[in-house]
Amino acid sequence: MQAWNVDTGTRVWTHTYAKSQNWGPMLATGGGLVFTGGTNDRMFHAFDASSGKLLWEFPTNSGITGPPTSFMIGGKQFIAVQAGWGIDSRAMQARLNAASPGNFPEVPEGGAIWVFGIR
């Protein structure tokens, strides 16, 4: 995962996932946060958009495949995301397991919507 300065064309920061590809989409907020998931560890991550520092992570039931979305209710901001491994990511994980047995744990399937409040 990389952040680039579009004015200068330079890379600002990079985050490398040690044992997984990232199949999940990302959301950048106006408040300077980047949310993403889609990794074999099933974590949903929040990064500082300026520095790339990991600020928060949460284990979901499955891999993140849906795009995170932001909405407000009563002046409070929420982030929602769909988890439910399958389709392309399942096939890719099978290829990774064949190439490097034991290094990529199986990710459970099954859909759920996760909603988080922003403080």
PDB file of N, CA and C in Angstrom:
ATOM      1  N   MET A   1       0.851  -1.150   0.000  1.00  0.00           N
ATOM      2  CA  MET A   1       0.000   0.000   0.000  1.00  0.00           C
ATOM      3  C   MET A   1       0.909   1.228   0.000  1.00  0.00           C
ATOM      4  N   GLN A   2       0.603   2.199  -0.854  1.00  0.00           N
ATOM      5  CA  GLN A   2       1.448   3.390  -0.957  1.00  0.00           C
ATOM      6  C   GLN A   2       0.594   4.656  -0.986  1.00  0.00           C
ATOM      7  N   ALA A   3       1.154   5.727  -0.468  1.00  0.00           N
ATOM      8  CA  ALA A   3       0.557   7.050  -0.572  1.00  0.00           C
ATOM      9  C   ALA A   3       1.504   7.935  -1.387  1.00  0.00           C
ATOM     10  N   TRP A   4       0.937   8.645  -2.333  1.00  0.00           N
ATOM     11  CA  TRP A   4       1.728   9.497  -3.224  1.00  0.00           C
ATOM     12  C   TRP A   4       1.254  10.935  -3.140  1.00  0.00           C
ATOM     13  N   ASN A   5       2.188  11.868  -3.237  1.00  0.00           N
ATOM     14  CA  ASN A   5       1.866  13.289  -3.339  1.00  0.00           C
ATOM     15  C   ASN A   5       1.616  13.583  -4.811  1.00  0.00           C
ATOM     16  N   VAL A   6       0.377  13.893  -5.161  1.00  0.00           N
ATOM     17  CA  VAL A   6       0.053  14.103  -6.573  1.00  0.00           C
ATOM     18  C   VAL A   6       0.635  15.402  -7.120  1.00  0.00           C
ATOM     19  N   ASP A   7       0.973  16.347  -6.246  1.00  0.00           N
ATOM     20  CA  ASP A   7       1.571  17.607  -6.704  1.00  0.00           C
ATOM     21  C   ASP A   7       3.030  17.434  -7.097  1.00  0.00           C
ATOM     22  N   THR A   8       3.755  16.595  -6.364  1.00  0.00           N
ATOM     23  CA  THR A   8       5.191  16.435  -6.628  1.00  0.00           C
ATOM     24  C   THR A   8       5.526  15.114  -7.324  1.00  0.00           C
ATOM     25  N   GLY A   9       4.580  14.173  -7.315  1.00  0.00           N
ATOM     26  CA  GLY A   9       4.841  12.867  -7.917  1.00  0.00           C
ATOM     27  C   GLY A   9       5.763  11.990  -7.086  1.00  0.00           C
ATOM     28  N   THR A  10       5.909  12.304  -5.802  1.00  0.00           N
ATOM     29  CA  THR A  10       6.796  11.519  -4.938  1.00  0.00           C
ATOM     30  C   THR A  10       5.975  10.641  -3.991  1.00  0.00           C
ATOM     31  N   ARG A  11       6.561   9.499  -3.674  1.00  0.00           N
ATOM     32  CA  ARG A  11       5.923   8.593  -2.718  1.00  0.00           C
ATOM     33  C   ARG A  11       6.126   9.157  -1.320  1.00  0.00           C
ATOM     34  N   VAL A  12       5.058   9.212  -0.542  1.00  0.00           N
ATOM     35  CA  VAL A  12       5.095   9.770   0.808  1.00  0.00           C
ATOM     36  C   VAL A  12       5.349   8.670   1.841  1.00  0.00           C
ATOM     37  N   TRP A  13       4.665   7.545   1.704  1.00  0.00           N
ATOM     38  CA  TRP A  13       4.884   6.425   2.608  1.00  0.00           C
ATOM     39  C   TRP A  13       4.423   5.127   1.959  1.00  0.00           C
ATOM     40  N   THR A  14       4.900   4.018   2.533  1.00  0.00           N
ATOM     41  CA  THR A  14       4.550   2.681   2.072  1.00  0.00           C
ATOM     42  C   THR A  14       4.263   1.810   3.281  1.00  0.00           C
ATOM     43  N   HIS A  15       3.251   0.975   3.170  1.00  0.00           N
ATOM     44  CA  HIS A  15       2.992  -0.039   4.195  1.00  0.00           C
ATOM     45  C   HIS A  15       2.987  -1.388   3.487  1.00  0.00           C
ATOM     46  N   THR A  16       3.827  -2.299   3.950  1.00  0.00           N
ATOM     47  CA  THR A  16       3.909  -3.634   3.372  1.00  0.00           C
ATOM     48  C   THR A  16       3.306  -4.637   4.347  1.00  0.00           C
ATOM     49  N   TYR A  17       2.397  -5.445   3.846  1.00  0.00           N
ATOM     50  CA  TYR A  17       1.825  -6.514   4.661  1.00  0.00           C
ATOM     51  C   TYR A  17       2.781  -7.699   4.599  1.00  0.00           C
ATOM     52  N   ALA A  18       3.226  -8.174   5.741  1.00  0.00           N
ATOM     53  CA  ALA A  18       4.290  -9.177   5.816  1.00  0.00           C
ATOM     54  C   ALA A  18       3.911 -10.517   5.196  1.00  0.00           C
ATOM     55  N   LYS A  19       2.677 -10.968   5.395  1.00  0.00           N
ATOM     56  CA  LYS A  19       2.326 -12.316   4.960  1.00  0.00           C
ATOM     57  C   LYS A  19       1.058 -12.370   4.123  1.00  0.00           C
ATOM     58  N   SER A  20       0.706 -11.298   3.453  1.00  0.00           N
ATOM     59  CA  SER A  20      -0.537 -11.321   2.705  1.00  0.00           C
ATOM     60  C   SER A  20      -0.542 -10.256   1.621  1.00  0.00           C
ATOM     61  N   GLN A  21      -1.256 -10.548   0.571  1.00  0.00           N
ATOM     62  CA  GLN A  21      -1.635  -9.514  -0.381  1.00  0.00           C
ATOM     63  C   GLN A  21      -2.785  -8.754   0.246  1.00  0.00           C
ATOM     64  N   ASN A  22      -3.113  -7.595  -0.310  1.00  0.00           N
ATOM     65  CA  ASN A  22      -4.280  -6.852   0.153  1.00  0.00           C
ATOM     66  C   ASN A  22      -5.283  -6.810  -0.993  1.00  0.00           C
ATOM     67  N   TRP A  23      -6.403  -7.541  -0.840  1.00  0.00           N
ATOM     68  CA  TRP A  23      -7.430  -7.571  -1.869  1.00  0.00           C
ATOM     69  C   TRP A  23      -8.542  -6.572  -1.583  1.00  0.00           C
ATOM     70  N   GLY A  24      -8.465  -5.856  -0.484  1.00  0.00           N
ATOM     71  CA  GLY A  24      -9.557  -4.980  -0.092  1.00  0.00           C
ATOM     72  C   GLY A  24      -9.410  -3.569  -0.614  1.00  0.00           C
ATOM     73  N   PRO A  25     -10.534  -2.914  -0.880  1.00  0.00           N
ATOM     74  CA  PRO A  25     -10.509  -1.514  -1.269  1.00  0.00           C
ATOM     75  C   PRO A  25     -10.174  -0.618  -0.081  1.00  0.00           C
ATOM     76  N   MET A  26      -9.929   0.646  -0.369  1.00  0.00           N
ATOM     77  CA  MET A  26      -9.551   1.607   0.670  1.00  0.00           C
ATOM     78  C   MET A  26     -10.493   2.797   0.665  1.00  0.00           C
ATOM     79  N   LEU A  27     -10.523   3.480   1.803  1.00  0.00           N
ATOM     80  CA  LEU A  27     -11.272   4.717   1.940  1.00  0.00           C
ATOM     81  C   LEU A  27     -10.372   5.735   2.616  1.00  0.00           C
ATOM     82  N   ALA A  28     -10.198   6.898   1.998  1.00  0.00           N
ATOM     83  CA  ALA A  28      -9.485   8.021   2.620  1.00  0.00           C
ATOM     84  C   ALA A  28     -10.533   9.035   3.047  1.00  0.00           C
ATOM     85  N   THR A  29     -10.466   9.483   4.298  1.00  0.00           N
ATOM     86  CA  THR A  29     -11.451  10.439   4.812  1.00  0.00           C
ATOM     87  C   THR A  29     -10.880  11.854   4.791  1.00  0.00           C
ATOM     88  N   GLY A  30     -11.764  12.828   4.842  1.00  0.00           N
ATOM     89  CA  GLY A  30     -11.354  14.217   4.937  1.00  0.00           C
ATOM     90  C   GLY A  30     -10.657  14.526   6.253  1.00  0.00           C
ATOM     91  N   GLY A  31     -10.815  13.651   7.238  1.00  0.00           N
ATOM     92  CA  GLY A  31     -10.181  13.823   8.539  1.00  0.00           C
ATOM     93  C   GLY A  31      -8.785  13.225   8.619  1.00  0.00           C
ATOM     94  N   GLY A  32      -8.241  12.771   7.478  1.00  0.00           N
ATOM     95  CA  GLY A  32      -6.863  12.293   7.470  1.00  0.00           C
ATOM     96  C   GLY A  32      -6.667  10.839   7.856  1.00  0.00           C
ATOM     97  N   LEU A  33      -7.695  10.010   7.664  1.00  0.00           N
ATOM     98  CA  LEU A  33      -7.582   8.587   7.952  1.00  0.00           C
ATOM     99  C   LEU A  33      -7.711   7.785   6.663  1.00  0.00           C
ATOM    100  N   VAL A  34      -7.048   6.632   6.623  1.00  0.00           N
ATOM    101  CA  VAL A  34      -7.188   5.684   5.521  1.00  0.00           C
ATOM    102  C   VAL A  34      -7.604   4.350   6.134  1.00  0.00           C
ATOM    103  N   PHE A  35      -8.715   3.794   5.643  1.00  0.00           N
ATOM    104  CA  PHE A  35      -9.227   2.513   6.124  1.00  0.00           C
ATOM    105  C   PHE A  35      -9.067   1.469   5.028  1.00  0.00           C
ATOM    106  N   THR A  36      -8.631   0.275   5.414  1.00  0.00           N
ATOM    107  CA  THR A  36      -8.480  -0.822   4.470  1.00  0.00           C
ATOM    108  C   THR A  36      -8.475  -2.149   5.202  1.00  0.00           C
ATOM    109  N   GLY A  37      -8.754  -3.192   4.480  1.00  0.00           N
ATOM    110  CA  GLY A  37      -8.704  -4.562   4.984  1.00  0.00           C
ATOM    111  C   GLY A  37      -8.317  -5.450   3.817  1.00  0.00           C
ATOM    112  N   GLY A  38      -8.869  -6.647   3.771  1.00  0.00           N
ATOM    113  CA  GLY A  38      -8.614  -7.520   2.633  1.00  0.00           C
ATOM    114  C   GLY A  38      -7.368  -8.353   2.744  1.00  0.00           C
ATOM    115  N   THR A  39      -6.881  -8.567   3.946  1.00  0.00           N
ATOM    116  CA  THR A  39      -5.672  -9.359   4.157  1.00  0.00           C
ATOM    117  C   THR A  39      -6.021 -10.678   4.831  1.00  0.00           C
ATOM    118  N   ASN A  40      -5.114 -11.643   4.753  1.00  0.00           N
ATOM    119  CA  ASN A  40      -5.352 -12.960   5.339  1.00  0.00           C
ATOM    120  C   ASN A  40      -5.518 -12.920   6.853  1.00  0.00           C
ATOM    121  N   ASP A  41      -5.051 -11.864   7.508  1.00  0.00           N
ATOM    122  CA  ASP A  41      -5.197 -11.794   8.967  1.00  0.00           C
ATOM    123  C   ASP A  41      -6.596 -11.351   9.395  1.00  0.00           C
ATOM    124  N   ARG A  42      -7.459 -11.012   8.430  1.00  0.00           N
ATOM    125  CA  ARG A  42      -8.852 -10.600   8.654  1.00  0.00           C
ATOM    126  C   ARG A  42      -8.976  -9.257   9.373  1.00  0.00           C
ATOM    127  N   MET A  43      -7.896  -8.515   9.495  1.00  0.00           N
ATOM    128  CA  MET A  43      -7.939  -7.240  10.209  1.00  0.00           C
ATOM    129  C   MET A  43      -8.479  -6.120   9.321  1.00  0.00           C
ATOM    130  N   PHE A  44      -9.227  -5.219   9.937  1.00  0.00           N
ATOM    131  CA  PHE A  44      -9.634  -3.961   9.312  1.00  0.00           C
ATOM    132  C   PHE A  44      -8.729  -2.909   9.929  1.00  0.00           C
ATOM    133  N   HIS A  45      -8.015  -2.144   9.097  1.00  0.00           N
ATOM    134  CA  HIS A  45      -6.967  -1.236   9.566  1.00  0.00           C
ATOM    135  C   HIS A  45      -7.341   0.230   9.351  1.00  0.00           C
ATOM    136  N   ALA A  46      -6.842   1.071  10.237  1.00  0.00           N
ATOM    137  CA  ALA A  46      -6.922   2.528  10.076  1.00  0.00           C
ATOM    138  C   ALA A  46      -5.507   3.090  10.145  1.00  0.00           C
ATOM    139  N   PHE A  47      -5.139   3.872   9.138  1.00  0.00           N
ATOM    140  CA  PHE A  47      -3.820   4.489   9.054  1.00  0.00           C
ATOM    141  C   PHE A  47      -3.949   6.002   9.072  1.00  0.00           C
ATOM    142  N   ASP A  48      -2.904   6.665   9.562  1.00  0.00           N
ATOM    143  CA  ASP A  48      -2.791   8.110   9.423  1.00  0.00           C
ATOM    144  C   ASP A  48      -2.435   8.393   7.967  1.00  0.00           C
ATOM    145  N   ALA A  49      -3.255   9.189   7.285  1.00  0.00           N
ATOM    146  CA  ALA A  49      -3.040   9.444   5.855  1.00  0.00           C
ATOM    147  C   ALA A  49      -1.750  10.211   5.581  1.00  0.00           C
ATOM    148  N   SER A  50      -1.275  11.003   6.516  1.00  0.00           N
ATOM    149  CA  SER A  50      -0.057  11.796   6.301  1.00  0.00           C
ATOM    150  C   SER A  50       1.220  10.994   6.502  1.00  0.00           C
ATOM    151  N   SER A  51       1.224  10.140   7.534  1.00  0.00           N
ATOM    152  CA  SER A  51       2.461   9.442   7.898  1.00  0.00           C
ATOM    153  C   SER A  51       2.466   7.951   7.546  1.00  0.00           C
ATOM    154  N   GLY A  52       1.275   7.364   7.367  1.00  0.00           N
ATOM    155  CA  GLY A  52       1.191   5.935   7.132  1.00  0.00           C
ATOM    156  C   GLY A  52       1.232   5.112   8.405  1.00  0.00           C
ATOM    157  N   LYS A  53       1.241   5.769   9.554  1.00  0.00           N
ATOM    158  CA  LYS A  53       1.286   5.062  10.831  1.00  0.00           C
ATOM    159  C   LYS A  53      -0.026   4.292  11.048  1.00  0.00           C
ATOM    160  N   LEU A  54       0.103   3.014  11.430  1.00  0.00           N
ATOM    161  CA  LEU A  54      -1.064   2.217  11.774  1.00  0.00           C
ATOM    162  C   LEU A  54      -1.632   2.740  13.091  1.00  0.00           C
ATOM    163  N   LEU A  55      -2.877   3.205  13.070  1.00  0.00           N
ATOM    164  CA  LEU A  55      -3.500   3.782  14.258  1.00  0.00           C
ATOM    165  C   LEU A  55      -4.388   2.797  15.006  1.00  0.00           C
ATOM    166  N   TRP A  56      -4.958   1.844  14.259  1.00  0.00           N
ATOM    167  CA  TRP A  56      -5.960   0.965  14.849  1.00  0.00           C
ATOM    168  C   TRP A  56      -6.169  -0.224  13.930  1.00  0.00           C
ATOM    169  N   GLU A  57      -6.502  -1.375  14.512  1.00  0.00           N
ATOM    170  CA  GLU A  57      -6.905  -2.520  13.718  1.00  0.00           C
ATOM    171  C   GLU A  57      -7.905  -3.340  14.510  1.00  0.00           C
ATOM    172  N   PHE A  58      -8.761  -4.049  13.783  1.00  0.00           N
ATOM    173  CA  PHE A  58      -9.813  -4.836  14.412  1.00  0.00           C
ATOM    174  C   PHE A  58      -9.986  -6.138  13.642  1.00  0.00           C
ATOM    175  N   PRO A  59     -10.022  -7.304  14.347  1.00  0.00           N
ATOM    176  CA  PRO A  59     -10.208  -8.583  13.650  1.00  0.00           C
ATOM    177  C   PRO A  59     -11.677  -8.798  13.279  1.00  0.00           C
ATOM    178  N   THR A  60     -11.939  -8.986  12.000  1.00  0.00           N
ATOM    179  CA  THR A  60     -13.294  -9.271  11.548  1.00  0.00           C
ATOM    180  C   THR A  60     -13.472 -10.781  11.393  1.00  0.00           C
ATOM    181  N   ASN A  61     -14.674 -11.191  11.057  1.00  0.00           N
ATOM    182  CA  ASN A  61     -14.976 -12.616  10.918  1.00  0.00           C
ATOM    183  C   ASN A  61     -14.348 -13.229   9.674  1.00  0.00           C
ATOM    184  N   SER A  62     -14.016 -12.411   8.684  1.00  0.00           N
ATOM    185  CA  SER A  62     -13.514 -12.901   7.410  1.00  0.00           C
ATOM    186  C   SER A  62     -12.703 -11.785   6.779  1.00  0.00           C
ATOM    187  N   GLY A  63     -12.218 -12.015   5.582  1.00  0.00           N
ATOM    188  CA  GLY A  63     -11.463 -10.970   4.898  1.00  0.00           C
ATOM    189  C   GLY A  63     -12.373  -9.861   4.403  1.00  0.00           C
ATOM    190  N   ILE A  64     -11.876  -8.648   4.384  1.00  0.00           N
ATOM    191  CA  ILE A  64     -12.634  -7.496   3.885  1.00  0.00           C
ATOM    192  C   ILE A  64     -12.615  -7.528   2.365  1.00  0.00           C
ATOM    193  N   THR A  65     -13.788  -7.478   1.755  1.00  0.00           N
ATOM    194  CA  THR A  65     -13.858  -7.420   0.304  1.00  0.00           C
ATOM    195  C   THR A  65     -14.673  -6.235  -0.190  1.00  0.00           C
ATOM    196  N   GLY A  66     -15.537  -5.705   0.644  1.00  0.00           N
ATOM    197  CA  GLY A  66     -16.362  -4.568   0.249  1.00  0.00           C
ATOM    198  C   GLY A  66     -15.658  -3.263   0.533  1.00  0.00           C
ATOM    199  N   PRO A  67     -16.008  -2.213  -0.210  1.00  0.00           N
ATOM    200  CA  PRO A  67     -15.395  -0.903   0.033  1.00  0.00           C
ATOM    201  C   PRO A  67     -15.900  -0.287   1.330  1.00  0.00           C
ATOM    202  N   PRO A  68     -14.992   0.225   2.162  1.00  0.00           N
ATOM    203  CA  PRO A  68     -15.435   0.944   3.361  1.00  0.00           C
ATOM    204  C   PRO A  68     -16.218   2.193   2.946  1.00  0.00           C
ATOM    205  N   THR A  69     -17.158   2.571   3.773  1.00  0.00           N
ATOM    206  CA  THR A  69     -17.934   3.776   3.513  1.00  0.00           C
ATOM    207  C   THR A  69     -18.063   4.582   4.796  1.00  0.00           C
ATOM    208  N   SER A  70     -18.231   5.869   4.658  1.00  0.00           N
ATOM    209  CA  SER A  70     -18.347   6.770   5.801  1.00  0.00           C
ATOM    210  C   SER A  70     -19.711   7.451   5.760  1.00  0.00           C
ATOM    211  N   PHE A  71     -20.326   7.587   6.917  1.00  0.00           N
ATOM    212  CA  PHE A  71     -21.599   8.299   7.003  1.00  0.00           C
ATOM    213  C   PHE A  71     -21.715   8.924   8.386  1.00  0.00           C
ATOM    214  N   MET A  72     -22.644   9.878   8.515  1.00  0.00           N
ATOM    215  CA  MET A  72     -22.859  10.550   9.798  1.00  0.00           C
ATOM    216  C   MET A  72     -24.302  10.380  10.238  1.00  0.00           C
ATOM    217  N   ILE A  73     -24.475  10.188  11.542  1.00  0.00           N
ATOM    218  CA  ILE A  73     -25.790  10.161  12.168  1.00  0.00           C
ATOM    219  C   ILE A  73     -25.693  11.003  13.428  1.00  0.00           C
ATOM    220  N   GLY A  74     -26.535  12.004  13.528  1.00  0.00           N
ATOM    221  CA  GLY A  74     -26.561  12.842  14.720  1.00  0.00           C
ATOM    222  C   GLY A  74     -25.233  13.514  15.019  1.00  0.00           C
ATOM    223  N   GLY A  75     -24.482  13.864  13.969  1.00  0.00           N
ATOM    224  CA  GLY A  75     -23.206  14.537  14.156  1.00  0.00           C
ATOM    225  C   GLY A  75     -22.042  13.615  14.471  1.00  0.00           C
ATOM    226  N   LYS A  76     -22.266  12.300  14.499  1.00  0.00           N
ATOM    227  CA  LYS A  76     -21.200  11.336  14.766  1.00  0.00           C
ATOM    228  C   LYS A  76     -20.865  10.594  13.474  1.00  0.00           C
ATOM    229  N   GLN A  77     -19.561  10.457  13.192  1.00  0.00           N
ATOM    230  CA  GLN A  77     -19.114   9.778  11.987  1.00  0.00           C
ATOM    231  C   GLN A  77     -18.945   8.278  12.242  1.00  0.00           C
ATOM    232  N   PHE A  78     -19.359   7.493  11.269  1.00  0.00           N
ATOM    233  CA  PHE A  78     -19.240   6.043  11.311  1.00  0.00           C
ATOM    234  C   PHE A  78     -18.541   5.542  10.051  1.00  0.00           C
ATOM    235  N   ILE A  79     -17.860   4.415  10.181  1.00  0.00           N
ATOM    236  CA  ILE A  79     -17.251   3.719   9.053  1.00  0.00           C
ATOM    237  C   ILE A  79     -17.879   2.325   9.013  1.00  0.00           C
ATOM    238  N   ALA A  80     -18.391   1.933   7.862  1.00  0.00           N
ATOM    239  CA  ALA A  80     -18.979   0.601   7.694  1.00  0.00           C
ATOM    240  C   ALA A  80     -18.218  -0.132   6.600  1.00  0.00           C
ATOM    241  N   VAL A  81     -18.115  -1.463   6.762  1.00  0.00           N
ATOM    242  CA  VAL A  81     -17.418  -2.278   5.776  1.00  0.00           C
ATOM    243  C   VAL A  81     -18.002  -3.686   5.774  1.00  0.00           C
ATOM    244  N   GLN A  82     -17.994  -4.309   4.612  1.00  0.00           N
ATOM    245  CA  GLN A  82     -18.498  -5.668   4.468  1.00  0.00           C
ATOM    246  C   GLN A  82     -17.329  -6.640   4.499  1.00  0.00           C
ATOM    247  N   ALA A  83     -17.469  -7.708   5.279  1.00  0.00           N
ATOM    248  CA  ALA A  83     -16.472  -8.779   5.316  1.00  0.00           C
ATOM    249  C   ALA A  83     -17.147 -10.048   4.812  1.00  0.00           C
ATOM    250  N   GLY A  84     -16.408 -10.840   4.071  1.00  0.00           N
ATOM    251  CA  GLY A  84     -16.934 -12.095   3.546  1.00  0.00           C
ATOM    252  C   GLY A  84     -16.052 -12.585   2.417  1.00  0.00           C
ATOM    253  N   TRP A  85     -15.047 -13.347   2.759  1.00  0.00           N
ATOM    254  CA  TRP A  85     -14.045 -13.839   1.804  1.00  0.00           C
ATOM    255  C   TRP A  85     -14.729 -14.660   0.729  1.00  0.00           C
ATOM    256  N   GLY A  86     -14.165 -14.657  -0.438  1.00  0.00           N
ATOM    257  CA  GLY A  86     -14.682 -15.492  -1.515  1.00  0.00           C
ATOM    258  C   GLY A  86     -14.192 -14.997  -2.857  1.00  0.00           C
ATOM    259  N   ILE A  87     -14.721 -15.526  -3.910  1.00  0.00           N
ATOM    260  CA  ILE A  87     -14.475 -15.174  -5.304  1.00  0.00           C
ATOM    261  C   ILE A  87     -12.972 -15.144  -5.596  1.00  0.00           C
ATOM    262  N   ASP A  88     -12.450 -14.016  -6.062  1.00  0.00           N
ATOM    263  CA  ASP A  88     -11.049 -13.927  -6.495  1.00  0.00           C
ATOM    264  C   ASP A  88     -10.059 -14.141  -5.356  1.00  0.00           C
ATOM    265  N   SER A  89     -10.347 -13.582  -4.203  1.00  0.00           N
ATOM    266  CA  SER A  89      -9.389 -13.711  -3.102  1.00  0.00           C
ATOM    267  C   SER A  89      -9.252 -15.162  -2.650  1.00  0.00           C
ATOM    268  N   ARG A  90     -10.323 -15.928  -2.670  1.00  0.00           N
ATOM    269  CA  ARG A  90     -10.256 -17.338  -2.293  1.00  0.00           C
ATOM    270  C   ARG A  90      -9.363 -18.108  -3.271  1.00  0.00           C
ATOM    271  N   ALA A  91      -9.517 -17.836  -4.566  1.00  0.00           N
ATOM    272  CA  ALA A  91      -8.699 -18.507  -5.579  1.00  0.00           C
ATOM    273  C   ALA A  91      -7.229 -18.104  -5.450  1.00  0.00           C
ATOM    274  N   MET A  92      -6.981 -16.832  -5.191  1.00  0.00           N
ATOM    275  CA  MET A  92      -5.605 -16.363  -5.027  1.00  0.00           C
ATOM    276  C   MET A  92      -4.967 -16.983  -3.795  1.00  0.00           C
ATOM    277  N   GLN A  93      -5.717 -17.076  -2.700  1.00  0.00           N
ATOM    278  CA  GLN A  93      -5.174 -17.690  -1.487  1.00  0.00           C
ATOM    279  C   GLN A  93      -4.825 -19.145  -1.742  1.00  0.00           C
ATOM    280  N   ALA A  94      -5.628 -19.849  -2.511  1.00  0.00           N
ATOM    281  CA  ALA A  94      -5.323 -21.242  -2.840  1.00  0.00           C
ATOM    282  C   ALA A  94      -4.014 -21.336  -3.618  1.00  0.00           C
ATOM    283  N   ARG A  95      -3.790 -20.394  -4.540  1.00  0.00           N
ATOM    284  CA  ARG A  95      -2.525 -20.377  -5.291  1.00  0.00           C
ATOM    285  C   ARG A  95      -1.341 -20.092  -4.370  1.00  0.00           C
ATOM    286  N   LEU A  96      -1.516 -19.150  -3.440  1.00  0.00           N
ATOM    287  CA  LEU A  96      -0.442 -18.830  -2.497  1.00  0.00           C
ATOM    288  C   LEU A  96      -0.130 -20.034  -1.611  1.00  0.00           C
ATOM    289  N   ASN A  97      -1.173 -20.735  -1.143  1.00  0.00           N
ATOM    290  CA  ASN A  97      -0.962 -21.915  -0.308  1.00  0.00           C
ATOM    291  C   ASN A  97      -0.252 -23.023  -1.076  1.00  0.00           C
ATOM    292  N   ALA A  98      -0.547 -23.150  -2.366  1.00  0.00           N
ATOM    293  CA  ALA A  98       0.130 -24.163  -3.186  1.00  0.00           C
ATOM    294  C   ALA A  98       1.604 -23.817  -3.370  1.00  0.00           C
ATOM    295  N   ALA A  99       1.895 -22.530  -3.533  1.00  0.00           N
ATOM    296  CA  ALA A  99       3.279 -22.082  -3.750  1.00  0.00           C
ATOM    297  C   ALA A  99       4.096 -22.076  -2.465  1.00  0.00           C
ATOM    298  N   SER A 100       3.437 -21.813  -1.329  1.00  0.00           N
ATOM    299  CA  SER A 100       4.145 -21.700  -0.062  1.00  0.00           C
ATOM    300  C   SER A 100       3.286 -22.297   1.058  1.00  0.00           C
ATOM    301  N   PRO A 101       3.195 -23.625   1.123  1.00  0.00           N
ATOM    302  CA  PRO A 101       2.320 -24.284   2.097  1.00  0.00           C
ATOM    303  C   PRO A 101       2.599 -23.849   3.539  1.00  0.00           C
ATOM    304  N   GLY A 102       1.522 -23.588   4.261  1.00  0.00           N
ATOM    305  CA  GLY A 102       1.622 -23.256   5.681  1.00  0.00           C
ATOM    306  C   GLY A 102       1.856 -21.796   6.000  1.00  0.00           C
ATOM    307  N   ASN A 103       2.150 -20.981   5.000  1.00  0.00           N
ATOM    308  CA  ASN A 103       2.424 -19.564   5.261  1.00  0.00           C
ATOM    309  C   ASN A 103       1.197 -18.671   5.145  1.00  0.00           C
ATOM    310  N   PHE A 104       0.103 -19.196   4.626  1.00  0.00           N
ATOM    311  CA  PHE A 104      -1.090 -18.392   4.424  1.00  0.00           C
ATOM    312  C   PHE A 104      -2.290 -19.104   5.043  1.00  0.00           C
ATOM    313  N   PRO A 105      -2.669 -18.738   6.268  1.00  0.00           N
ATOM    314  CA  PRO A 105      -3.770 -19.442   6.934  1.00  0.00           C
ATOM    315  C   PRO A 105      -5.083 -19.257   6.174  1.00  0.00           C
ATOM    316  N   GLU A 106      -5.921 -20.261   6.231  1.00  0.00           N
ATOM    317  CA  GLU A 106      -7.225 -20.171   5.581  1.00  0.00           C
ATOM    318  C   GLU A 106      -8.060 -19.095   6.272  1.00  0.00           C
ATOM    319  N   VAL A 107      -8.738 -18.304   5.488  1.00  0.00           N
ATOM    320  CA  VAL A 107      -9.601 -17.247   6.012  1.00  0.00           C
ATOM    321  C   VAL A 107     -11.043 -17.742   5.939  1.00  0.00           C
ATOM    322  N   PRO A 108     -11.772 -17.713   7.060  1.00  0.00           N
ATOM    323  CA  PRO A 108     -13.157 -18.170   7.025  1.00  0.00           C
ATOM    324  C   PRO A 108     -13.993 -17.306   6.091  1.00  0.00           C
ATOM    325  N   GLU A 109     -15.008 -17.923   5.507  1.00  0.00           N
ATOM    326  CA  GLU A 109     -15.927 -17.175   4.665  1.00  0.00           C
ATOM    327  C   GLU A 109     -17.170 -16.831   5.473  1.00  0.00           C
ATOM    328  N   GLY A 110     -18.040 -16.088   4.890  1.00  0.00           N
ATOM    329  CA  GLY A 110     -19.278 -15.712   5.572  1.00  0.00           C
ATOM    330  C   GLY A 110     -19.376 -14.210   5.664  1.00  0.00           C
ATOM    331  N   GLY A 111     -20.504 -13.676   5.291  1.00  0.00           N
ATOM    332  CA  GLY A 111     -20.654 -12.231   5.213  1.00  0.00           C
ATOM    333  C   GLY A 111     -21.156 -11.584   6.487  1.00  0.00           C
ATOM    334  N   ALA A 112     -20.684 -10.379   6.729  1.00  0.00           N
ATOM    335  CA  ALA A 112     -21.139  -9.560   7.847  1.00  0.00           C
ATOM    336  C   ALA A 112     -20.850  -8.102   7.504  1.00  0.00           C
ATOM    337  N   ILE A 113     -21.629  -7.217   8.043  1.00  0.00           N
ATOM    338  CA  ILE A 113     -21.387  -5.780   7.931  1.00  0.00           C
ATOM    339  C   ILE A 113     -20.885  -5.310   9.292  1.00  0.00           C
ATOM    340  N   TRP A 114     -19.727  -4.663   9.288  1.00  0.00           N
ATOM    341  CA  TRP A 114     -19.147  -4.119  10.513  1.00  0.00           C
ATOM    342  C   TRP A 114     -19.287  -2.601  10.474  1.00  0.00           C
ATOM    343  N   VAL A 115     -19.682  -2.009  11.600  1.00  0.00           N
ATOM    344  CA  VAL A 115     -19.831  -0.545  11.692  1.00  0.00           C
ATOM    345  C   VAL A 115     -19.067  -0.069  12.909  1.00  0.00           C
ATOM    346  N   PHE A 116     -18.233   0.951  12.699  1.00  0.00           N
ATOM    347  CA  PHE A 116     -17.378   1.502  13.755  1.00  0.00           C
ATOM    348  C   PHE A 116     -17.632   3.003  13.874  1.00  0.00           C
ATOM    349  N   GLY A 117     -17.714   3.487  15.110  1.00  0.00           N
ATOM    350  CA  GLY A 117     -17.839   4.911  15.360  1.00  0.00           C
ATOM    351  C   GLY A 117     -16.458   5.567  15.467  1.00  0.00           C
ATOM    352  N   ILE A 118     -16.349   6.771  14.930  1.00  0.00           N
ATOM    353  CA  ILE A 118     -15.094   7.535  15.001  1.00  0.00           C
ATOM    354  C   ILE A 118     -15.215   8.524  16.145  1.00  0.00           C
ATOM    355  N   ARG A 119     -14.226   8.561  16.990  1.00  0.00           N
ATOM    356  CA  ARG A 119     -14.247   9.509  18.120  1.00  0.00           C
ATOM    357  C   ARG A 119     -13.639  10.816  17.734  1.00  0.00           C
TER     358      ARG A 119
END
